[in-house]
Amino acid sequence: MTIKERQQREAHDRENPWRPIATAPRGTGLICDLLFNDMVGDFATNGLQFFLDANGDWYQLEPPRRVCTPTPMNWRPSYVRITPERRKAIIHRANEMRGQR
């Protein structure tokens, strides 16, 4: 990572701080970044996007899947929302993929 890339990442982190998972808005279609915690430590999901449905379940957009473990500990908004129709399609595809396993 170059100095310029690091400075850009730090500026992005200052403008979009991580927030406690309990404050995430349910059922709004807000696309978010997630920060997870597992036995190895904290890790961000760079490049992956998620949304929280009205039931409190997190879903990944691509590939569509329901996030079960590890549990996210922090979130930050991407300031983009997806339509209810697209959310429904993602949830449906995630459930179909889960049923195939």
Protein backbone atom coordinates (compact mmCIF):
# COMPACT_ATOMS: atom_id res chain seq x y z
CA MET A 1 0.00 0.00 0.00
CA THR A 2 1.40 3.37 -1.00
CA ILE A 3 1.44 6.41 1.26
CA LYS A 4 -1.27 8.03 -0.88
CA GLU A 5 -3.50 4.94 -0.62
CA ARG A 6 -3.03 4.82 3.15
CA GLN A 7 -3.88 8.54 3.44
CA GLN A 8 -7.02 8.02 1.35
CA ARG A 9 -8.08 5.07 3.51
CA GLU A 10 -7.49 7.07 6.71
CA ALA A 11 -9.49 10.01 5.32
CA HIS A 12 -12.34 7.63 4.44
CA ASP A 13 -12.24 6.14 7.95
CA ARG A 14 -12.40 9.62 9.53
CA GLU A 15 -15.38 10.62 7.38
CA ASN A 16 -17.17 7.29 7.87
CA PRO A 17 -16.42 6.04 11.39
CA TRP A 18 -17.41 2.56 12.51
CA ARG A 19 -20.61 2.49 14.58
CA PRO A 20 -21.91 -0.04 17.12
CA ILE A 21 -23.89 -2.85 15.50
CA ALA A 22 -26.91 -2.14 17.73
CA THR A 23 -27.39 1.23 15.99
CA ALA A 24 -27.75 -0.22 12.47
CA PRO A 25 -31.05 0.75 10.81
CA ARG A 26 -33.29 -2.27 10.20
CA GLY A 27 -35.27 -2.70 7.01
CA THR A 28 -34.20 0.54 5.34
CA GLY A 29 -32.15 -0.99 2.51
CA LEU A 30 -29.08 1.00 3.53
CA ILE A 31 -25.96 -0.66 2.13
CA CYS A 32 -23.25 -0.99 4.75
CA ASP A 33 -19.69 -2.11 5.36
CA LEU A 34 -19.27 -4.53 8.25
CA LEU A 35 -16.46 -5.10 10.72
CA PHE A 36 -16.29 -8.61 12.13
CA ASN A 37 -14.57 -10.05 15.16
CA ASP A 38 -13.41 -13.64 15.28
CA MET A 39 -10.88 -15.63 17.27
CA VAL A 40 -8.03 -14.21 15.19
CA GLY A 41 -9.03 -10.56 15.60
CA ASP A 42 -10.99 -7.80 13.92
CA PHE A 43 -11.34 -7.70 10.16
CA ALA A 44 -13.21 -5.51 7.70
CA THR A 45 -14.93 -6.92 4.63
CA ASN A 46 -13.33 -4.76 1.99
CA GLY A 47 -15.28 -4.80 -1.25
CA LEU A 48 -18.29 -6.64 0.16
CA GLN A 49 -21.61 -4.92 0.76
CA PHE A 50 -24.38 -5.82 3.18
CA PHE A 51 -27.83 -4.71 4.31
CA LEU A 52 -29.90 -5.38 7.43
CA ASP A 53 -33.44 -6.65 6.94
CA ALA A 54 -36.40 -5.85 9.18
CA ASN A 55 -35.92 -9.12 11.11
CA GLY A 56 -32.37 -8.20 12.11
CA ASP A 57 -30.60 -10.53 9.67
CA TRP A 58 -27.60 -9.29 7.69
CA TYR A 59 -27.38 -10.21 4.00
CA GLN A 60 -24.44 -9.94 1.65
CA LEU A 61 -25.27 -8.56 -1.80
CA GLU A 62 -22.82 -10.50 -4.02
CA PRO A 63 -22.77 -13.39 -3.82
CA PRO A 64 -26.12 -13.37 -2.04
CA ARG A 65 -25.94 -15.01 1.35
CA ARG A 66 -27.21 -14.58 4.88
CA VAL A 67 -24.47 -13.67 7.34
CA CYS A 68 -24.56 -16.16 10.21
CA THR A 69 -21.05 -16.30 11.65
CA PRO A 70 -18.95 -14.58 12.65
CA THR A 71 -21.24 -11.93 14.10
CA PRO A 72 -20.56 -8.39 12.90
CA MET A 73 -19.50 -6.04 15.66
CA ASN A 74 -19.54 -2.67 13.86
CA TRP A 75 -21.01 -1.14 10.72
CA ARG A 76 -20.73 2.01 8.64
CA PRO A 77 -23.04 3.27 5.92
CA SER A 78 -22.18 3.44 2.25
CA TYR A 79 -24.92 6.10 1.87
CA VAL A 80 -26.68 4.08 -0.83
CA ARG A 81 -30.02 2.32 -0.50
CA ILE A 82 -31.39 -0.61 -2.48
CA THR A 83 -35.01 -1.04 -3.42
CA PRO A 84 -37.34 -3.36 -1.52
CA GLU A 85 -37.66 -5.49 -4.66
CA ARG A 86 -33.91 -6.00 -4.92
CA ARG A 87 -33.69 -6.79 -1.18
CA LYS A 88 -36.43 -9.40 -1.59
CA ALA A 89 -34.62 -10.95 -4.57
CA ILE A 90 -31.31 -11.12 -2.67
CA ILE A 91 -32.97 -12.72 0.36
CA HIS A 92 -34.73 -15.23 -1.91
CA ARG A 93 -31.47 -16.13 -3.74
CA ALA A 94 -29.60 -16.43 -0.43
CA ASN A 95 -32.24 -18.82 0.91
CA GLU A 96 -32.13 -20.87 -2.30
CA MET A 97 -28.35 -21.17 -2.13
CA ARG A 98 -28.55 -22.15 1.52
CA GLY A 99 -31.07 -24.89 0.70
CA GLN A 100 -28.72 -26.40 -1.90
CA ARG A 101 -26.02 -27.17 0.67
